[in-house]
């Protein structure tokens, strides 16, 4: 299962094409209020969760959400919750395109995060 918002939705849809029928995408649409019930139910059901953000990962909403999912669903998870996002930089650049970590146009899906989680 992939939990994401913003551009992450499009990146996740592109990456999911490589794994037909194996990835569910939860589009948060709004961050507040967070539909925690949907997120936690899906995480428990799938046993695996990847949180994707277009922002820097360090101290991000995505990291906080991954921690909440880990705490709430720990006993039902088959793998650690992963989160991926932009490389920490002094400034955000749209030309940076999140480095090589997320470039679905080149077939890159977060340093192999989807593959690693599905194989865990």
C-alpha atoms as a PDB file:
ATOM      1  CA  UNK A   1       0.000   0.000   0.000  1.00  0.00           C
ATOM      2  CA  UNK A   2       1.209   3.497  -0.842  1.00  0.00           C
ATOM      3  CA  UNK A   3       0.004   6.511   1.133  1.00  0.00           C
ATOM      4  CA  UNK A   4       0.630   9.790  -0.644  1.00  0.00           C
ATOM      5  CA  UNK A   5      -0.655  13.194  -1.688  1.00  0.00           C
ATOM      6  CA  UNK A   6       0.117  15.850  -4.290  1.00  0.00           C
ATOM      7  CA  UNK A   7       2.549  14.792  -7.016  1.00  0.00           C
ATOM      8  CA  UNK A   8       3.184  11.580  -5.116  1.00  0.00           C
ATOM      9  CA  UNK A   9      -0.180  10.303  -6.350  1.00  0.00           C
ATOM     10  CA  UNK A  10       0.979  10.489  -9.969  1.00  0.00           C
ATOM     11  CA  UNK A  11       4.372   8.980  -9.170  1.00  0.00           C
ATOM     12  CA  UNK A  12       2.722   6.130  -7.259  1.00  0.00           C
ATOM     13  CA  UNK A  13       0.315   5.419 -10.120  1.00  0.00           C
ATOM     14  CA  UNK A  14       3.228   5.242 -12.538  1.00  0.00           C
ATOM     15  CA  UNK A  15       5.246   2.943 -10.264  1.00  0.00           C
ATOM     16  CA  UNK A  16       2.193   0.736  -9.561  1.00  0.00           C
ATOM     17  CA  UNK A  17       1.983  -0.177 -13.253  1.00  0.00           C
ATOM     18  CA  UNK A  18       5.067  -2.335 -12.690  1.00  0.00           C
ATOM     19  CA  UNK A  19       3.161  -4.356 -10.059  1.00  0.00           C
ATOM     20  CA  UNK A  20      -0.353  -4.960 -11.428  1.00  0.00           C
ATOM     21  CA  UNK A  21      -2.861  -5.784  -8.701  1.00  0.00           C
ATOM     22  CA  UNK A  22      -0.261  -5.655  -5.908  1.00  0.00           C
ATOM     23  CA  UNK A  23      -0.327  -1.979  -4.900  1.00  0.00           C
ATOM     24  CA  UNK A  24      -3.186   0.056  -3.473  1.00  0.00           C
ATOM     25  CA  UNK A  25      -2.775   3.830  -3.463  1.00  0.00           C
ATOM     26  CA  UNK A  26      -4.338   5.919  -0.698  1.00  0.00           C
ATOM     27  CA  UNK A  27      -4.603   9.545  -1.856  1.00  0.00           C
ATOM     28  CA  UNK A  28      -4.901  11.700   1.247  1.00  0.00           C
ATOM     29  CA  UNK A  29      -6.320  14.664  -0.750  1.00  0.00           C
ATOM     30  CA  UNK A  30      -6.309  16.754   2.408  1.00  0.00           C
ATOM     31  CA  UNK A  31      -3.859  16.523   5.254  1.00  0.00           C
ATOM     32  CA  UNK A  32      -6.192  17.899   7.914  1.00  0.00           C
ATOM     33  CA  UNK A  33      -8.369  16.202   8.888  1.00  0.00           C
ATOM     34  CA  UNK A  34      -6.445  13.034   8.208  1.00  0.00           C
ATOM     35  CA  UNK A  35      -8.631  10.009   7.433  1.00  0.00           C
ATOM     36  CA  UNK A  36      -6.704   7.853   9.874  1.00  0.00           C
ATOM     37  CA  UNK A  37      -9.223   5.027   9.832  1.00  0.00           C
ATOM     38  CA  UNK A  38      -8.788   4.476   6.072  1.00  0.00           C
ATOM     39  CA  UNK A  39      -5.001   4.627   6.300  1.00  0.00           C
ATOM     40  CA  UNK A  40      -4.704   2.272   9.282  1.00  0.00           C
ATOM     41  CA  UNK A  41      -7.256  -0.204   7.919  1.00  0.00           C
ATOM     42  CA  UNK A  42      -5.402  -0.393   4.597  1.00  0.00           C
ATOM     43  CA  UNK A  43      -2.018  -0.765   6.338  1.00  0.00           C
ATOM     44  CA  UNK A  44      -3.331  -3.622   8.465  1.00  0.00           C
ATOM     45  CA  UNK A  45      -4.919  -5.269   5.433  1.00  0.00           C
ATOM     46  CA  UNK A  46      -1.813  -5.097   3.234  1.00  0.00           C
ATOM     47  CA  UNK A  47       0.802  -5.626   5.939  1.00  0.00           C
ATOM     48  CA  UNK A  48       3.147  -3.222   4.154  1.00  0.00           C
ATOM     49  CA  UNK A  49       3.129   0.546   3.721  1.00  0.00           C
ATOM     50  CA  UNK A  50       5.144   3.093   1.774  1.00  0.00           C
ATOM     51  CA  UNK A  51       4.573   6.811   2.436  1.00  0.00           C
ATOM     52  CA  UNK A  52       5.562   9.018  -0.514  1.00  0.00           C
ATOM     53  CA  UNK A  53       6.043  12.774  -0.413  1.00  0.00           C
ATOM     54  CA  UNK A  54       7.397  15.368  -2.813  1.00  0.00           C
ATOM     55  CA  UNK A  55       8.865  17.386   0.049  1.00  0.00           C
ATOM     56  CA  UNK A  56      12.131  16.759   1.863  1.00  0.00           C
ATOM     57  CA  UNK A  57      11.779  13.661   3.973  1.00  0.00           C
ATOM     58  CA  UNK A  58      13.579  14.884   7.078  1.00  0.00           C
ATOM     59  CA  UNK A  59      11.080  16.223   9.639  1.00  0.00           C
ATOM     60  CA  UNK A  60       8.247  15.917   7.119  1.00  0.00           C
ATOM     61  CA  UNK A  61       4.568  15.098   7.451  1.00  0.00           C
ATOM     62  CA  UNK A  62       5.391  11.829   5.653  1.00  0.00           C
ATOM     63  CA  UNK A  63       7.856  10.796   8.361  1.00  0.00           C
ATOM     64  CA  UNK A  64       5.358  11.647  11.078  1.00  0.00           C
ATOM     65  CA  UNK A  65       2.628   9.698   9.295  1.00  0.00           C
ATOM     66  CA  UNK A  66       4.928   6.696   8.833  1.00  0.00           C
ATOM     67  CA  UNK A  67       5.646   6.728  12.573  1.00  0.00           C
ATOM     68  CA  UNK A  68       1.914   6.897  13.389  1.00  0.00           C
ATOM     69  CA  UNK A  69       1.222   3.936  11.093  1.00  0.00           C
ATOM     70  CA  UNK A  70       4.108   1.963  12.643  1.00  0.00           C
ATOM     71  CA  UNK A  71       2.845   2.575  16.151  1.00  0.00           C
ATOM     72  CA  UNK A  72      -0.824   1.885  15.427  1.00  0.00           C
ATOM     73  CA  UNK A  73      -0.325  -1.168  13.200  1.00  0.00           C
ATOM     74  CA  UNK A  74       2.951  -2.687  14.451  1.00  0.00           C
ATOM     75  CA  UNK A  75       1.592  -6.135  15.251  1.00  0.00           C
ATOM     76  CA  UNK A  76      -0.237  -6.482  11.916  1.00  0.00           C
ATOM     77  CA  UNK A  77       2.628  -5.338   9.673  1.00  0.00           C
ATOM     78  CA  UNK A  78       4.834  -7.775   7.749  1.00  0.00           C
ATOM     79  CA  UNK A  79       7.506  -5.157   6.988  1.00  0.00           C
ATOM     80  CA  UNK A  80       8.713  -1.860   8.406  1.00  0.00           C
ATOM     81  CA  UNK A  81       6.825   1.212   7.181  1.00  0.00           C
ATOM     82  CA  UNK A  82       9.012   3.029   4.633  1.00  0.00           C
ATOM     83  CA  UNK A  83       8.872   6.640   3.558  1.00  0.00           C
ATOM     84  CA  UNK A  84      10.522   8.296   0.587  1.00  0.00           C
ATOM     85  CA  UNK A  85      10.796  11.930  -0.415  1.00  0.00           C
ATOM     86  CA  UNK A  86      13.043  14.563  -1.880  1.00  0.00           C
ATOM     87  CA  UNK A  87      16.714  14.728  -1.065  1.00  0.00           C
ATOM     88  CA  UNK A  88      17.483  17.210   1.713  1.00  0.00           C
ATOM     89  CA  UNK A  89      18.705  20.378   0.048  1.00  0.00           C
ATOM     90  CA  UNK A  90      19.168  23.986   1.066  1.00  0.00           C
ATOM     91  CA  UNK A  91      16.428  24.999  -1.370  1.00  0.00           C
ATOM     92  CA  UNK A  92      13.782  23.241  -3.381  1.00  0.00           C
ATOM     93  CA  UNK A  93      14.189  23.299  -7.127  1.00  0.00           C
ATOM     94  CA  UNK A  94      11.527  22.073  -9.498  1.00  0.00           C
ATOM     95  CA  UNK A  95      14.291  21.269 -11.953  1.00  0.00           C
ATOM     96  CA  UNK A  96      15.809  18.995  -9.351  1.00  0.00           C
ATOM     97  CA  UNK A  97      12.796  16.678  -9.922  1.00  0.00           C
ATOM     98  CA  UNK A  98      13.487  15.103  -6.563  1.00  0.00           C
ATOM     99  CA  UNK A  99      16.824  13.826  -7.745  1.00  0.00           C
ATOM    100  CA  UNK A 100      16.885  10.281  -8.985  1.00  0.00           C
ATOM    101  CA  UNK A 101      14.708   9.173  -6.074  1.00  0.00           C
ATOM    102  CA  UNK A 102      11.415   9.790  -7.865  1.00  0.00           C
ATOM    103  CA  UNK A 103      11.389  10.087 -11.590  1.00  0.00           C
ATOM    104  CA  UNK A 104       8.642   7.867 -12.967  1.00  0.00           C
ATOM    105  CA  UNK A 105       9.325   9.155 -16.468  1.00  0.00           C
ATOM    106  CA  UNK A 106      12.666   7.364 -16.237  1.00  0.00           C
ATOM    107  CA  UNK A 107      11.129   4.338 -14.509  1.00  0.00           C
ATOM    108  CA  UNK A 108      12.574   5.148 -11.117  1.00  0.00           C
ATOM    109  CA  UNK A 109      10.406   4.510  -8.082  1.00  0.00           C
ATOM    110  CA  UNK A 110      12.197   5.647  -4.966  1.00  0.00           C
ATOM    111  CA  UNK A 111      15.479   3.743  -4.903  1.00  0.00           C
ATOM    112  CA  UNK A 112      13.702   0.397  -5.231  1.00  0.00           C
ATOM    113  CA  UNK A 113      11.410   1.004  -2.244  1.00  0.00           C
ATOM    114  CA  UNK A 114       8.320  -0.620  -3.827  1.00  0.00           C
ATOM    115  CA  UNK A 115      10.294  -3.704  -4.854  1.00  0.00           C
ATOM    116  CA  UNK A 116      11.935  -4.027  -1.433  1.00  0.00           C
ATOM    117  CA  UNK A 117       8.646  -3.743   0.437  1.00  0.00           C
ATOM    118  CA  UNK A 118       6.858  -6.248  -1.768  1.00  0.00           C
ATOM    119  CA  UNK A 119       9.723  -8.722  -1.376  1.00  0.00           C
ATOM    120  CA  UNK A 120      10.089  -8.255   2.411  1.00  0.00           C
END
